[in-house]
Amino acid sequence: MQINFTNINKLSFRANEAYKTLRTNIQFCGNDIKTICITSCIPNEGKSNVSFNLARSLAEFGKKVIFIDADLRRSVLVGKYKPDQAVIGLSHYLSGQNSIDEILYETNIDNLDIIFTGPVPPNPAELLGIDIFGELLRIFRKVYDYIIIDTPPIGSVIDSAIVAQKCDGVILVIEANAISYKLAQRAIRQLNKSKSKILGAVLNKYDYGSRYYGYESKKYKKYLDYYTEY
């Protein structure tokens, strides 16, 4: 099935370069790192935005990517990107109501397919823990170069740790100047308990202000001035 997103903005130059760097770092993790879980410490750190834009960046690089919205409790994807039709999703499949073909959507972004959450189930952690979800990921590993999975915050519920157990690695999104060292360490300990491989962290919502580093040093600032923030 084909679906079109009607609210996807072009990334700013700085954001686009950041996602390219993240994409490159993931590729250097090895060919065996294909299924990646993304979580955060608490809600509203921007993990869903990071997850989707990472999937988008990999797809634009020519990789075949499936993005799975597994935040069954509080998904923001439909509201943010506004697909042009009603959709069914992951909770329909995990509860046995629909087949893979019925929940899998092609998008208007080349190389990027997507699975939405579907309605909020009464037992999200239990659904994500059943082997049907693991089998779904095993099927997709044979078809896609990367499987990017957005999950709930690890500091709020256990869902992301359950999903991470079925993945090759996990990325922790941390909002700049919002998360304490202790809270971040608590999230890492929780992931370690699930024996998940932590690939690294993404510092999100960082305000560069007037400071420029690396490629954003003064001699590159004139090039940045040609780009508009979105």
C-alpha atoms as a PDB file:
ATOM      1  CA  MET A   1       0.000   0.000   0.000  1.00  0.00           C
ATOM      2  CA  GLN A   2       1.181   3.532  -0.786  1.00  0.00           C
ATOM      3  CA  ILE A   3       0.880   6.402   1.658  1.00  0.00           C
ATOM      4  CA  ASN A   4       1.952  10.013   1.329  1.00  0.00           C
ATOM      5  CA  PHE A   5       3.128  12.264   4.146  1.00  0.00           C
ATOM      6  CA  THR A   6       1.791  15.790   3.814  1.00  0.00           C
ATOM      7  CA  ASN A   7       3.843  17.505   6.524  1.00  0.00           C
ATOM      8  CA  ILE A   8       7.507  16.669   5.948  1.00  0.00           C
ATOM      9  CA  ASN A   9       9.740  19.727   5.982  1.00  0.00           C
ATOM     10  CA  LYS A  10      13.173  19.956   4.450  1.00  0.00           C
ATOM     11  CA  LEU A  11      15.854  19.687   7.102  1.00  0.00           C
ATOM     12  CA  SER A  12      18.100  22.651   7.789  1.00  0.00           C
ATOM     13  CA  PHE A  13      21.703  22.404   6.616  1.00  0.00           C
ATOM     14  CA  ARG A  14      22.955  21.853  10.171  1.00  0.00           C
ATOM     15  CA  ALA A  15      20.349  19.180  10.947  1.00  0.00           C
ATOM     16  CA  ASN A  16      20.959  17.411   7.651  1.00  0.00           C
ATOM     17  CA  GLU A  17      24.704  17.261   8.333  1.00  0.00           C
ATOM     18  CA  ALA A  18      24.042  15.933  11.838  1.00  0.00           C
ATOM     19  CA  TYR A  19      21.900  13.096  10.499  1.00  0.00           C
ATOM     20  CA  LYS A  20      24.508  12.284   7.881  1.00  0.00           C
ATOM     21  CA  THR A  21      27.060  11.962  10.690  1.00  0.00           C
ATOM     22  CA  LEU A  22      24.711   9.744  12.694  1.00  0.00           C
ATOM     23  CA  ARG A  23      24.047   7.633   9.605  1.00  0.00           C
ATOM     24  CA  THR A  24      27.784   7.215   8.972  1.00  0.00           C
ATOM     25  CA  ASN A  25      28.471   6.271  12.583  1.00  0.00           C
ATOM     26  CA  ILE A  26      25.800   3.584  12.428  1.00  0.00           C
ATOM     27  CA  GLN A  27      27.263   2.166   9.227  1.00  0.00           C
ATOM     28  CA  PHE A  28      30.660   1.911  10.914  1.00  0.00           C
ATOM     29  CA  CYS A  29      29.084  -0.187  13.677  1.00  0.00           C
ATOM     30  CA  GLY A  30      29.227  -3.112  11.243  1.00  0.00           C
ATOM     31  CA  ASN A  31      27.139  -4.962   8.677  1.00  0.00           C
ATOM     32  CA  ASP A  32      25.495  -7.023  11.392  1.00  0.00           C
ATOM     33  CA  ILE A  33      23.852  -3.937  12.945  1.00  0.00           C
ATOM     34  CA  LYS A  34      20.592  -3.788  11.002  1.00  0.00           C
ATOM     35  CA  THR A  35      17.801  -3.682  13.568  1.00  0.00           C
ATOM     36  CA  ILE A  36      18.074  -0.581  15.740  1.00  0.00           C
ATOM     37  CA  CYS A  37      15.889   0.399  18.687  1.00  0.00           C
ATOM     38  CA  ILE A  38      15.700   4.086  19.599  1.00  0.00           C
ATOM     39  CA  THR A  39      14.541   5.318  22.994  1.00  0.00           C
ATOM     40  CA  SER A  40      14.986   8.214  25.426  1.00  0.00           C
ATOM     41  CA  CYS A  41      15.052   8.777  29.170  1.00  0.00           C
ATOM     42  CA  ILE A  42      11.750  10.649  29.462  1.00  0.00           C
ATOM     43  CA  PRO A  43       8.974  11.856  27.111  1.00  0.00           C
ATOM     44  CA  ASN A  44       9.386  14.871  24.828  1.00  0.00           C
ATOM     45  CA  GLU A  45      13.124  14.545  24.208  1.00  0.00           C
ATOM     46  CA  GLY A  46      12.511  14.257  20.467  1.00  0.00           C
ATOM     47  CA  LYS A  47      13.260  10.554  20.014  1.00  0.00           C
ATOM     48  CA  SER A  48      10.462  10.047  17.467  1.00  0.00           C
ATOM     49  CA  ASN A  49      11.752  12.918  15.364  1.00  0.00           C
ATOM     50  CA  VAL A  50      15.305  11.543  15.570  1.00  0.00           C
ATOM     51  CA  SER A  51      14.108   8.027  14.708  1.00  0.00           C
ATOM     52  CA  PHE A  52      12.134   9.097  11.668  1.00  0.00           C
ATOM     53  CA  ASN A  53      14.797  11.445  10.318  1.00  0.00           C
ATOM     54  CA  LEU A  54      17.475   8.791  10.768  1.00  0.00           C
ATOM     55  CA  ALA A  55      15.346   6.340   8.762  1.00  0.00           C
ATOM     56  CA  ARG A  56      14.785   9.071   6.181  1.00  0.00           C
ATOM     57  CA  SER A  57      18.519   9.829   5.957  1.00  0.00           C
ATOM     58  CA  LEU A  58      19.407   6.163   5.462  1.00  0.00           C
ATOM     59  CA  ALA A  59      16.749   5.852   2.763  1.00  0.00           C
ATOM     60  CA  GLU A  60      18.001   8.964   0.960  1.00  0.00           C
ATOM     61  CA  PHE A  61      21.472   7.388   0.979  1.00  0.00           C
ATOM     62  CA  GLY A  62      20.052   4.492  -1.032  1.00  0.00           C
ATOM     63  CA  LYS A  63      19.474   1.989   1.764  1.00  0.00           C
ATOM     64  CA  LYS A  64      16.204   0.061   1.874  1.00  0.00           C
ATOM     65  CA  VAL A  65      14.668   0.977   5.229  1.00  0.00           C
ATOM     66  CA  ILE A  66      11.603   0.012   7.241  1.00  0.00           C
ATOM     67  CA  PHE A  67      10.554   2.378  10.030  1.00  0.00           C
ATOM     68  CA  ILE A  68       8.460   0.741  12.768  1.00  0.00           C
ATOM     69  CA  ASP A  69       6.574   2.944  15.202  1.00  0.00           C
ATOM     70  CA  ALA A  70       6.517   0.724  18.291  1.00  0.00           C
ATOM     71  CA  ASP A  71       5.578   3.469  20.748  1.00  0.00           C
ATOM     72  CA  LEU A  72       2.231   1.786  21.280  1.00  0.00           C
ATOM     73  CA  ARG A  73       1.356   3.983  24.256  1.00  0.00           C
ATOM     74  CA  ARG A  74       1.846   7.505  22.902  1.00  0.00           C
ATOM     75  CA  SER A  75       2.740   7.702  19.236  1.00  0.00           C
ATOM     76  CA  VAL A  76       3.116  11.165  17.698  1.00  0.00           C
ATOM     77  CA  LEU A  77       3.910  10.059  14.148  1.00  0.00           C
ATOM     78  CA  VAL A  78       0.451  10.345  12.592  1.00  0.00           C
ATOM     79  CA  GLY A  79      -0.204  13.717  14.202  1.00  0.00           C
ATOM     80  CA  LYS A  80       3.180  15.115  13.220  1.00  0.00           C
ATOM     81  CA  TYR A  81       3.582  13.928   9.636  1.00  0.00           C
ATOM     82  CA  LYS A  82      -0.106  13.697   8.677  1.00  0.00           C
ATOM     83  CA  PRO A  83      -0.449  10.729   6.299  1.00  0.00           C
ATOM     84  CA  ASP A  84      -3.013  11.264   3.573  1.00  0.00           C
ATOM     85  CA  GLN A  85      -5.240   8.370   4.661  1.00  0.00           C
ATOM     86  CA  ALA A  86      -6.351   6.425   7.706  1.00  0.00           C
ATOM     87  CA  VAL A  87      -3.955   3.627   8.635  1.00  0.00           C
ATOM     88  CA  ILE A  88      -3.882   0.340  10.499  1.00  0.00           C
ATOM     89  CA  GLY A  89      -0.782  -0.664  12.378  1.00  0.00           C
ATOM     90  CA  LEU A  90       1.428  -2.798  14.580  1.00  0.00           C
ATOM     91  CA  SER A  91      -1.091  -3.419  17.352  1.00  0.00           C
ATOM     92  CA  HIS A  92      -3.513  -4.834  14.753  1.00  0.00           C
ATOM     93  CA  TYR A  93      -0.846  -7.294  13.595  1.00  0.00           C
ATOM     94  CA  LEU A  94       0.422  -8.331  17.026  1.00  0.00           C
ATOM     95  CA  SER A  95      -3.131  -8.989  18.220  1.00  0.00           C
ATOM     96  CA  GLY A  96      -3.800 -11.215  15.207  1.00  0.00           C
ATOM     97  CA  GLN A  97      -6.298  -8.939  13.462  1.00  0.00           C
ATOM     98  CA  ASN A  98      -4.315  -8.145  10.312  1.00  0.00           C
ATOM     99  CA  SER A  99      -1.501  -9.574   8.167  1.00  0.00           C
ATOM    100  CA  ILE A 100       1.919  -8.057   7.438  1.00  0.00           C
ATOM    101  CA  ASP A 101       0.804  -6.929   3.988  1.00  0.00           C
ATOM    102  CA  GLU A 102      -2.119  -5.044   5.516  1.00  0.00           C
ATOM    103  CA  ILE A 103       0.013  -2.987   7.923  1.00  0.00           C
ATOM    104  CA  LEU A 104       3.034  -2.341   5.690  1.00  0.00           C
ATOM    105  CA  TYR A 105       2.997   0.956   3.794  1.00  0.00           C
ATOM    106  CA  GLU A 106       5.260   2.349   1.106  1.00  0.00           C
ATOM    107  CA  THR A 107       5.848   6.084   1.495  1.00  0.00           C
ATOM    108  CA  ASN A 108       6.481   9.017  -0.816  1.00  0.00           C
ATOM    109  CA  ILE A 109      10.121   8.917   0.387  1.00  0.00           C
ATOM    110  CA  ASP A 110      12.135   6.638  -1.888  1.00  0.00           C
ATOM    111  CA  ASN A 111      13.375   3.407  -0.219  1.00  0.00           C
ATOM    112  CA  LEU A 112      11.377   4.050   2.977  1.00  0.00           C
ATOM    113  CA  ASP A 113       8.506   1.837   4.141  1.00  0.00           C
ATOM    114  CA  ILE A 114       6.649   2.272   7.412  1.00  0.00           C
ATOM    115  CA  ILE A 115       4.514   0.509   9.996  1.00  0.00           C
ATOM    116  CA  PHE A 116       2.365   2.707  12.224  1.00  0.00           C
ATOM    117  CA  THR A 117       1.356   1.837  15.780  1.00  0.00           C
ATOM    118  CA  GLY A 118      -2.367   1.331  15.338  1.00  0.00           C
ATOM    119  CA  PRO A 119      -4.744   1.904  18.278  1.00  0.00           C
ATOM    120  CA  VAL A 120      -3.412   1.881  21.845  1.00  0.00           C
ATOM    121  CA  PRO A 121      -3.763  -1.689  23.195  1.00  0.00           C
ATOM    122  CA  PRO A 122      -4.477  -2.523  26.863  1.00  0.00           C
ATOM    123  CA  ASN A 123      -1.238  -4.561  27.085  1.00  0.00           C
ATOM    124  CA  PRO A 124       1.535  -2.927  24.982  1.00  0.00           C
ATOM    125  CA  ALA A 125       4.511  -4.494  26.795  1.00  0.00           C
ATOM    126  CA  GLU A 126       3.006  -7.972  26.522  1.00  0.00           C
ATOM    127  CA  LEU A 127       2.331  -7.552  22.795  1.00  0.00           C
ATOM    128  CA  LEU A 128       5.882  -6.391  22.096  1.00  0.00           C
ATOM    129  CA  GLY A 129       7.271  -9.292  24.098  1.00  0.00           C
ATOM    130  CA  ILE A 130       5.559 -12.077  22.185  1.00  0.00           C
ATOM    131  CA  ASP A 131       7.480 -14.026  19.560  1.00  0.00           C
ATOM    132  CA  ILE A 132       5.236 -12.746  16.764  1.00  0.00           C
ATOM    133  CA  PHE A 133       7.068  -9.428  16.975  1.00  0.00           C
ATOM    134  CA  GLY A 134      10.448 -11.137  16.963  1.00  0.00           C
ATOM    135  CA  GLU A 135       9.428 -13.169  13.923  1.00  0.00           C
ATOM    136  CA  LEU A 136       8.317  -9.976  12.173  1.00  0.00           C
ATOM    137  CA  LEU A 137      11.792  -8.523  12.663  1.00  0.00           C
ATOM    138  CA  ARG A 138      13.428 -11.719  11.409  1.00  0.00           C
ATOM    139  CA  ILE A 139      11.355 -11.513   8.229  1.00  0.00           C
ATOM    140  CA  PHE A 140      12.268  -7.865   7.675  1.00  0.00           C
ATOM    141  CA  ARG A 141      16.002  -8.543   8.175  1.00  0.00           C
ATOM    142  CA  LYS A 142      15.898 -10.561   4.939  1.00  0.00           C
ATOM    143  CA  VAL A 143      14.278  -7.707   3.013  1.00  0.00           C
ATOM    144  CA  TYR A 144      15.644  -4.427   4.396  1.00  0.00           C
ATOM    145  CA  ASP A 145      19.097  -2.984   4.935  1.00  0.00           C
ATOM    146  CA  TYR A 146      17.963  -1.264   8.147  1.00  0.00           C
ATOM    147  CA  ILE A 147      15.035  -1.588  10.539  1.00  0.00           C
ATOM    148  CA  ILE A 148      14.588   1.537  12.671  1.00  0.00           C
ATOM    149  CA  ILE A 149      12.225   1.125  15.629  1.00  0.00           C
ATOM    150  CA  ASP A 150      10.863   4.009  17.672  1.00  0.00           C
ATOM    151  CA  THR A 151       9.987   2.927  21.225  1.00  0.00           C
ATOM    152  CA  PRO A 152       8.667   4.585  24.421  1.00  0.00           C
ATOM    153  CA  PRO A 153      11.058   6.266  26.882  1.00  0.00           C
ATOM    154  CA  ILE A 154      13.041   3.702  28.883  1.00  0.00           C
ATOM    155  CA  GLY A 155      12.685   5.825  32.016  1.00  0.00           C
ATOM    156  CA  SER A 156       8.901   5.606  31.909  1.00  0.00           C
ATOM    157  CA  VAL A 157       7.995   2.049  30.848  1.00  0.00           C
ATOM    158  CA  ILE A 158       9.722  -1.236  30.131  1.00  0.00           C
ATOM    159  CA  ASP A 159       8.616  -1.529  26.468  1.00  0.00           C
ATOM    160  CA  SER A 160      11.859  -0.277  24.920  1.00  0.00           C
ATOM    161  CA  ALA A 161      13.962  -2.760  26.914  1.00  0.00           C
ATOM    162  CA  ILE A 162      11.739  -5.559  25.630  1.00  0.00           C
ATOM    163  CA  VAL A 163      12.137  -4.388  22.044  1.00  0.00           C
ATOM    164  CA  ALA A 164      15.884  -3.787  22.460  1.00  0.00           C
ATOM    165  CA  GLN A 165      16.375  -7.453  23.369  1.00  0.00           C
ATOM    166  CA  LYS A 166      15.199  -8.346  19.875  1.00  0.00           C
ATOM    167  CA  CYS A 167      17.447  -5.781  18.144  1.00  0.00           C
ATOM    168  CA  ASP A 168      21.105  -5.581  17.160  1.00  0.00           C
ATOM    169  CA  GLY A 169      21.583  -2.351  19.088  1.00  0.00           C
ATOM    170  CA  VAL A 170      19.919   0.574  20.816  1.00  0.00           C
ATOM    171  CA  ILE A 171      20.442   4.344  20.622  1.00  0.00           C
ATOM    172  CA  LEU A 172      19.572   6.617  23.532  1.00  0.00           C
ATOM    173  CA  VAL A 173      18.284  10.111  22.667  1.00  0.00           C
ATOM    174  CA  ILE A 174      19.116  12.697  25.348  1.00  0.00           C
ATOM    175  CA  GLU A 175      17.754  16.241  25.370  1.00  0.00           C
ATOM    176  CA  ALA A 176      20.474  18.826  25.995  1.00  0.00           C
ATOM    177  CA  ASN A 177      20.264  20.655  29.338  1.00  0.00           C
ATOM    178  CA  ALA A 178      17.192  18.666  30.365  1.00  0.00           C
ATOM    179  CA  ILE A 179      18.454  15.291  31.585  1.00  0.00           C
ATOM    180  CA  SER A 180      20.603  14.796  34.662  1.00  0.00           C
ATOM    181  CA  TYR A 181      23.624  12.520  34.689  1.00  0.00           C
ATOM    182  CA  LYS A 182      21.884  10.230  37.206  1.00  0.00           C
ATOM    183  CA  LEU A 183      18.782   9.882  35.041  1.00  0.00           C
ATOM    184  CA  ALA A 184      20.845   9.048  31.967  1.00  0.00           C
ATOM    185  CA  GLN A 185      22.839   6.473  33.931  1.00  0.00           C
ATOM    186  CA  ARG A 186      19.605   4.943  35.232  1.00  0.00           C
ATOM    187  CA  ALA A 187      18.377   4.556  31.648  1.00  0.00           C
ATOM    188  CA  ILE A 188      21.672   2.937  30.631  1.00  0.00           C
ATOM    189  CA  ARG A 189      21.509   0.510  33.575  1.00  0.00           C
ATOM    190  CA  GLN A 190      18.000  -0.493  32.560  1.00  0.00           C
ATOM    191  CA  LEU A 191      19.159  -1.225  29.023  1.00  0.00           C
ATOM    192  CA  ASN A 192      22.161  -3.150  30.328  1.00  0.00           C
ATOM    193  CA  LYS A 193      19.836  -5.311  32.438  1.00  0.00           C
ATOM    194  CA  SER A 194      18.080  -6.355  29.253  1.00  0.00           C
ATOM    195  CA  LYS A 195      21.495  -7.276  27.792  1.00  0.00           C
ATOM    196  CA  SER A 196      20.996  -4.776  24.973  1.00  0.00           C
ATOM    197  CA  LYS A 197      23.956  -3.529  22.963  1.00  0.00           C
ATOM    198  CA  ILE A 198      24.113   0.252  23.369  1.00  0.00           C
ATOM    199  CA  LEU A 199      25.441   1.779  20.161  1.00  0.00           C
ATOM    200  CA  GLY A 200      25.631   5.294  21.553  1.00  0.00           C
ATOM    201  CA  ALA A 201      23.652   8.406  22.378  1.00  0.00           C
ATOM    202  CA  VAL A 202      22.236  11.320  20.395  1.00  0.00           C
ATOM    203  CA  LEU A 203      22.334  14.759  22.023  1.00  0.00           C
ATOM    204  CA  ASN A 204      19.134  16.407  20.827  1.00  0.00           C
ATOM    205  CA  LYS A 205      17.757  19.965  20.953  1.00  0.00           C
ATOM    206  CA  TYR A 206      21.210  21.460  21.449  1.00  0.00           C
ATOM    207  CA  ASP A 207      21.263  25.242  21.030  1.00  0.00           C
ATOM    208  CA  TYR A 208      24.371  26.211  19.115  1.00  0.00           C
ATOM    209  CA  GLY A 209      23.747  29.911  19.673  1.00  0.00           C
ATOM    210  CA  SER A 210      26.619  31.948  18.336  1.00  0.00           C
ATOM    211  CA  ARG A 211      29.249  29.252  18.812  1.00  0.00           C
ATOM    212  CA  TYR A 212      30.594  27.199  15.913  1.00  0.00           C
ATOM    213  CA  TYR A 213      32.676  24.047  16.100  1.00  0.00           C
ATOM    214  CA  GLY A 214      34.432  21.857  13.544  1.00  0.00           C
ATOM    215  CA  TYR A 215      32.734  22.337  10.192  1.00  0.00           C
ATOM    216  CA  GLU A 216      30.766  25.182  11.765  1.00  0.00           C
ATOM    217  CA  SER A 217      33.848  27.251  12.516  1.00  0.00           C
ATOM    218  CA  LYS A 218      33.991  30.904  11.413  1.00  0.00           C
ATOM    219  CA  LYS A 219      35.300  30.154   7.950  1.00  0.00           C
ATOM    220  CA  TYR A 220      32.238  27.944   7.298  1.00  0.00           C
ATOM    221  CA  LYS A 221      29.673  30.299   8.843  1.00  0.00           C
ATOM    222  CA  LYS A 222      29.181  32.172   5.566  1.00  0.00           C
ATOM    223  CA  TYR A 223      27.967  28.933   3.953  1.00  0.00           C
ATOM    224  CA  LEU A 224      25.495  28.282   6.771  1.00  0.00           C
ATOM    225  CA  ASP A 225      23.965  31.703   6.237  1.00  0.00           C
ATOM    226  CA  TYR A 226      22.495  30.516   2.927  1.00  0.00           C
ATOM    227  CA  TYR A 227      20.326  27.923   4.678  1.00  0.00           C
ATOM    228  CA  THR A 228      17.080  28.472   6.538  1.00  0.00           C
ATOM    229  CA  GLU A 229      16.168  26.679   9.757  1.00  0.00           C
ATOM    230  CA  TYR A 230      12.972  24.616   9.529  1.00  0.00           C
END
